[in-house]
């Protein structure tokens, strides 16, 4: 690893957003942190939520920016703190010591804080406000031909004669294209961004209008039933995925209005 190069650390580099960010950056200037080792990621190190960066990287490595994408969906504590809070505390301390920026991937769930995920994201935002070199990106539901919850749903029901809709399907969702997210995180001059930047593509859309309903029977399932089905696996703390009870709350009770400025 070249000691004369300033590197960008991407924590959670194997995520959908992380892999797309990497495509737009020179590989020789990237350090990737992931849960397990990936031979196809540049300068790849194993990083688990809560790890100390100082114990991972070689000494004298210069870091200019940390892009923080990783997230633990399960409720886990480290030294009495939520694992995500504890992890960001460590990263924040490292950033202060090494005078590097932190670009934090937050969520629209942090606006109304109607689920545990949103509450913890908002707490992480407050944690970062104690330093000068940081930017927070509140990201709407990411859309792409290859990823995103709506794409997953449409692909799942693609060959079926029906599609399941939570409730009446009239709850609102904000979206953002993956290209817009990548542009924001890769922007060289981030000084013009406000402390909290909303990444979205415009006005909210109704869920019912986003799914492929052509030649399909709509099966409207009461929200309470879906919540019950997702609740018990979530309480058992076995799912580290956005498609769980907590994620479902964020989907159906998301923000109704945001500041478009």
Protein backbone atom coordinates (compact mmCIF):
# COMPACT_ATOMS: atom_id res chain seq x y z
CA UNK A 1 0.00 0.00 0.00
CA UNK A 2 1.49 3.31 -1.15
CA UNK A 3 2.21 5.67 1.75
CA UNK A 4 2.15 8.68 -0.59
CA UNK A 5 -1.47 8.17 -1.66
CA UNK A 6 -4.49 9.51 0.20
CA UNK A 7 -7.06 6.73 0.28
CA UNK A 8 -10.85 6.64 0.55
CA UNK A 9 -12.16 4.02 2.96
CA UNK A 10 -15.51 2.50 2.02
CA UNK A 11 -17.10 0.73 4.99
CA UNK A 12 -19.75 -1.65 3.71
CA UNK A 13 -18.15 -1.81 0.28
CA UNK A 14 -19.93 -5.00 -0.73
CA UNK A 15 -23.35 -3.34 -0.47
CA UNK A 16 -25.23 -2.36 -3.62
CA UNK A 17 -24.33 1.31 -3.13
CA UNK A 18 -20.74 0.46 -2.20
CA UNK A 19 -20.05 -1.59 -5.30
CA UNK A 20 -21.44 1.16 -7.51
CA UNK A 21 -19.33 3.82 -5.79
CA UNK A 22 -16.22 1.73 -6.40
CA UNK A 23 -16.91 1.65 -10.14
CA UNK A 24 -16.44 5.43 -10.29
CA UNK A 25 -13.24 5.64 -8.23
CA UNK A 26 -9.64 4.68 -9.13
CA UNK A 27 -9.03 1.30 -7.48
CA UNK A 28 -5.53 2.22 -6.34
CA UNK A 29 -7.00 4.94 -4.12
CA UNK A 30 -9.66 2.81 -2.41
CA UNK A 31 -9.60 0.74 0.77
CA UNK A 32 -12.65 -1.50 1.19
CA UNK A 33 -14.05 -2.79 4.47
CA UNK A 34 -16.47 -5.74 4.37
CA UNK A 35 -17.84 -8.41 6.73
CA UNK A 36 -15.81 -11.08 4.98
CA UNK A 37 -12.93 -11.16 2.52
CA UNK A 38 -13.65 -10.46 -1.17
CA UNK A 39 -10.86 -11.07 -3.65
CA UNK A 40 -12.51 -8.86 -6.29
CA UNK A 41 -12.55 -5.75 -4.09
CA UNK A 42 -9.49 -3.47 -4.01
CA UNK A 43 -7.39 -3.35 -0.81
CA UNK A 44 -10.01 -5.40 1.00
CA UNK A 45 -10.02 -5.79 4.79
CA UNK A 46 -12.45 -7.56 7.09
CA UNK A 47 -14.42 -5.06 9.17
CA UNK A 48 -17.20 -5.94 11.58
CA UNK A 49 -19.49 -3.38 13.16
CA UNK A 50 -17.64 -1.98 16.15
CA UNK A 51 -14.10 -2.77 14.98
CA UNK A 52 -11.26 -0.30 15.55
CA UNK A 53 -9.82 0.97 12.24
CA UNK A 54 -6.44 1.53 13.92
CA UNK A 55 -6.15 -2.23 14.48
CA UNK A 56 -7.03 -3.02 10.85
CA UNK A 57 -4.98 -0.70 8.67
CA UNK A 58 -1.19 -0.68 8.37
CA UNK A 59 0.48 2.24 10.11
CA UNK A 60 1.15 5.50 8.26
CA UNK A 61 -1.60 4.91 5.71
CA UNK A 62 -3.08 8.28 4.72
CA UNK A 63 -6.87 8.58 4.62
CA UNK A 64 -8.74 11.54 3.11
CA UNK A 65 -12.31 10.31 3.35
CA UNK A 66 -14.42 7.59 4.97
CA UNK A 67 -17.68 6.58 3.28
CA UNK A 68 -19.77 4.83 5.92
CA UNK A 69 -22.40 2.49 4.42
CA UNK A 70 -22.38 -0.49 6.80
CA UNK A 71 -25.31 -1.17 9.11
CA UNK A 72 -26.32 -3.87 11.58
CA UNK A 73 -30.10 -4.39 11.38
CA UNK A 74 -30.29 -6.63 14.42
CA UNK A 75 -30.46 -5.11 17.88
CA UNK A 76 -27.00 -5.76 19.23
CA UNK A 77 -25.13 -4.05 22.04
CA UNK A 78 -21.39 -3.46 22.36
CA UNK A 79 -20.23 -2.17 25.76
CA UNK A 80 -23.78 -1.04 26.49
CA UNK A 81 -24.22 0.90 23.22
CA UNK A 82 -26.21 -0.03 20.15
CA UNK A 83 -23.64 -1.65 17.86
CA UNK A 84 -24.10 0.98 15.14
CA UNK A 85 -23.61 3.85 17.59
CA UNK A 86 -20.54 2.18 19.09
CA UNK A 87 -19.07 1.54 15.65
CA UNK A 88 -19.56 5.13 14.47
CA UNK A 89 -18.02 6.42 17.71
CA UNK A 90 -14.84 4.52 16.83
CA UNK A 91 -14.87 5.75 13.24
CA UNK A 92 -15.47 9.32 14.40
CA UNK A 93 -12.50 9.12 16.78
CA UNK A 94 -10.33 7.81 13.94
CA UNK A 95 -11.50 10.61 11.60
CA UNK A 96 -10.72 13.30 14.16
CA UNK A 97 -7.28 11.86 14.85
CA UNK A 98 -6.43 11.58 11.13
CA UNK A 99 -8.23 14.76 10.02
CA UNK A 100 -10.32 13.01 7.37
CA UNK A 101 -13.92 13.46 6.25
CA UNK A 102 -16.85 11.17 7.03
CA UNK A 103 -19.65 10.74 4.50
CA UNK A 104 -22.46 8.95 6.31
CA UNK A 105 -25.30 7.08 4.61
CA UNK A 106 -28.40 7.91 6.60
CA UNK A 107 -32.01 7.27 5.62
CA UNK A 108 -35.38 8.94 5.18
CA UNK A 109 -36.38 6.82 8.19
CA UNK A 110 -34.39 9.29 10.31
CA UNK A 111 -36.93 12.02 9.52
CA UNK A 112 -39.93 10.71 11.45
CA UNK A 113 -38.10 8.01 13.44
CA UNK A 114 -41.03 5.62 13.34
CA UNK A 115 -38.87 2.50 13.61
CA UNK A 116 -35.74 1.41 15.44
CA UNK A 117 -33.66 1.77 12.28
CA UNK A 118 -34.71 5.41 11.89
CA UNK A 119 -34.08 6.17 15.56
CA UNK A 120 -30.54 4.81 15.41
CA UNK A 121 -29.79 6.57 12.13
CA UNK A 122 -30.85 9.88 13.68
CA UNK A 123 -28.67 9.22 16.73
CA UNK A 124 -25.72 8.59 14.43
CA UNK A 125 -26.42 11.89 12.69
CA UNK A 126 -26.27 13.71 16.03
CA UNK A 127 -23.05 11.93 16.88
CA UNK A 128 -21.37 13.27 13.74
CA UNK A 129 -22.40 16.85 14.42
CA UNK A 130 -19.63 17.07 16.98
CA UNK A 131 -16.95 17.21 14.27
CA UNK A 132 -16.30 19.58 11.37
CA UNK A 133 -15.50 17.31 8.41
CA UNK A 134 -18.67 15.35 7.82
CA UNK A 135 -21.65 15.12 5.49
CA UNK A 136 -24.89 13.24 6.07
CA UNK A 137 -26.91 11.90 3.16
CA UNK A 138 -30.50 10.99 3.94
CA UNK A 139 -31.20 8.50 1.19
CA UNK A 140 -34.65 7.61 -0.11
CA UNK A 141 -35.46 4.13 -1.43
CA UNK A 142 -32.81 3.40 -4.03
CA UNK A 143 -34.07 2.41 -7.47
CA UNK A 144 -32.24 0.51 -10.17
CA UNK A 145 -32.94 -2.07 -12.84
CA UNK A 146 -31.00 -4.54 -10.72
CA UNK A 147 -31.88 -3.63 -7.14
CA UNK A 148 -34.25 -1.80 -4.84
CA UNK A 149 -37.28 -3.12 -2.99
CA UNK A 150 -39.79 -2.26 -5.72
CA UNK A 151 -37.65 -4.03 -8.34
CA UNK A 152 -37.38 -7.06 -6.05
CA UNK A 153 -41.16 -7.13 -5.53
CA UNK A 154 -41.92 -6.77 -9.23
CA UNK A 155 -39.41 -9.47 -10.14
CA UNK A 156 -40.79 -11.82 -7.47
CA UNK A 157 -44.35 -11.57 -8.80
CA UNK A 158 -43.29 -11.29 -12.45
CA UNK A 159 -44.34 -14.81 -13.43
CA UNK A 160 -47.25 -15.08 -11.01
CA UNK A 161 -50.88 -14.21 -11.84
CA UNK A 162 -51.20 -12.09 -8.71
CA UNK A 163 -49.34 -9.53 -6.61
CA UNK A 164 -49.68 -9.01 -2.87
CA UNK A 165 -50.29 -5.44 -1.69
CA UNK A 166 -49.96 -4.32 1.97
CA UNK A 167 -53.23 -2.70 3.00
CA UNK A 168 -54.66 -0.56 0.21
CA UNK A 169 -51.18 0.25 -1.11
CA UNK A 170 -51.79 4.00 -0.90
CA UNK A 171 -48.88 4.78 1.41
CA UNK A 172 -46.21 7.05 -0.05
CA UNK A 173 -42.58 6.28 -0.86
CA UNK A 174 -39.70 8.55 -1.84
CA UNK A 175 -37.24 7.19 -4.39
CA UNK A 176 -33.76 8.04 -5.60
CA UNK A 177 -31.82 6.63 -8.53
CA UNK A 178 -28.58 4.84 -7.78
CA UNK A 179 -26.79 7.19 -10.18
CA UNK A 180 -27.78 10.21 -8.07
CA UNK A 181 -26.51 8.54 -4.91
CA UNK A 182 -23.19 7.64 -6.52
CA UNK A 183 -22.74 11.18 -7.84
CA UNK A 184 -23.31 12.61 -4.36
CA UNK A 185 -20.79 10.34 -2.64
CA UNK A 186 -18.16 10.73 -5.36
CA UNK A 187 -18.39 14.49 -5.65
CA UNK A 188 -14.92 15.91 -5.15
CA UNK A 189 -16.09 19.20 -3.68
CA UNK A 190 -18.61 18.39 -0.96
CA UNK A 191 -18.26 21.74 0.79
CA UNK A 192 -21.43 23.04 -0.89
CA UNK A 193 -23.56 20.30 0.64
CA UNK A 194 -25.46 21.15 3.79
CA UNK A 195 -24.81 19.06 6.90
CA UNK A 196 -27.83 16.95 5.96
CA UNK A 197 -28.51 16.43 2.27
CA UNK A 198 -31.68 14.74 1.04
CA UNK A 199 -31.14 12.38 -1.87
CA UNK A 200 -34.43 11.84 -3.72
CA UNK A 201 -35.80 12.15 -7.23
CA UNK A 202 -38.84 14.32 -6.54
CA UNK A 203 -42.28 13.97 -5.05
CA UNK A 204 -43.37 10.81 -3.27
CA UNK A 205 -45.25 8.12 -5.17
CA UNK A 206 -47.98 5.78 -4.02
CA UNK A 207 -46.79 2.22 -3.50
CA UNK A 208 -49.75 0.89 -5.49
CA UNK A 209 -48.62 2.92 -8.51
CA UNK A 210 -45.07 1.55 -8.40
CA UNK A 211 -45.80 -2.14 -8.71
CA UNK A 212 -46.47 -3.96 -11.97
CA UNK A 213 -50.21 -4.68 -11.92
CA UNK A 214 -50.69 -5.49 -15.61
CA UNK A 215 -52.87 -8.59 -16.06
CA UNK A 216 -52.51 -9.45 -12.36
CA UNK A 217 -54.93 -10.00 -9.53
CA UNK A 218 -54.31 -7.64 -6.60
CA UNK A 219 -54.42 -9.43 -3.27
CA UNK A 220 -54.68 -6.79 -0.58
CA UNK A 221 -53.45 -8.14 2.73
CA UNK A 222 -54.21 -6.20 5.93
CA UNK A 223 -51.10 -4.49 7.24
CA UNK A 224 -51.60 -6.01 10.69
CA UNK A 225 -51.26 -9.54 9.26
CA UNK A 226 -47.98 -8.74 7.49
CA UNK A 227 -46.68 -7.09 10.66
CA UNK A 228 -47.51 -10.20 12.69
CA UNK A 229 -45.76 -12.47 10.19
CA UNK A 230 -42.61 -10.34 10.31
CA UNK A 231 -42.69 -9.53 14.03
CA UNK A 232 -41.59 -12.84 15.55
CA UNK A 233 -38.46 -13.41 13.39
CA UNK A 234 -37.53 -9.82 14.19
CA UNK A 235 -37.99 -10.31 17.94
CA UNK A 236 -35.80 -13.40 17.75
CA UNK A 237 -33.10 -11.10 16.34
CA UNK A 238 -32.16 -13.47 13.53
CA UNK A 239 -32.55 -11.28 10.44
CA UNK A 240 -29.88 -8.77 9.44
CA UNK A 241 -31.82 -7.52 6.43
CA UNK A 242 -33.99 -4.54 5.55
CA UNK A 243 -36.86 -6.89 4.72
CA UNK A 244 -38.01 -7.43 8.29
CA UNK A 245 -40.61 -6.04 10.71
CA UNK A 246 -38.62 -2.89 11.40
CA UNK A 247 -37.99 -2.33 7.68
CA UNK A 248 -41.67 -2.87 6.94
CA UNK A 249 -42.61 -0.12 9.41
CA UNK A 250 -40.26 2.24 7.59
CA UNK A 251 -41.84 1.31 4.26
CA UNK A 252 -45.49 1.86 5.14
CA UNK A 253 -45.11 4.70 7.66
CA UNK A 254 -42.38 6.67 5.91
CA UNK A 255 -42.31 10.48 5.77
CA UNK A 256 -45.28 12.10 4.05
CA UNK A 257 -43.47 15.32 3.30
CA UNK A 258 -39.90 16.62 3.20
CA UNK A 259 -38.11 19.86 2.51
CA UNK A 260 -37.36 19.92 -1.22
CA UNK A 261 -34.79 22.71 -1.03
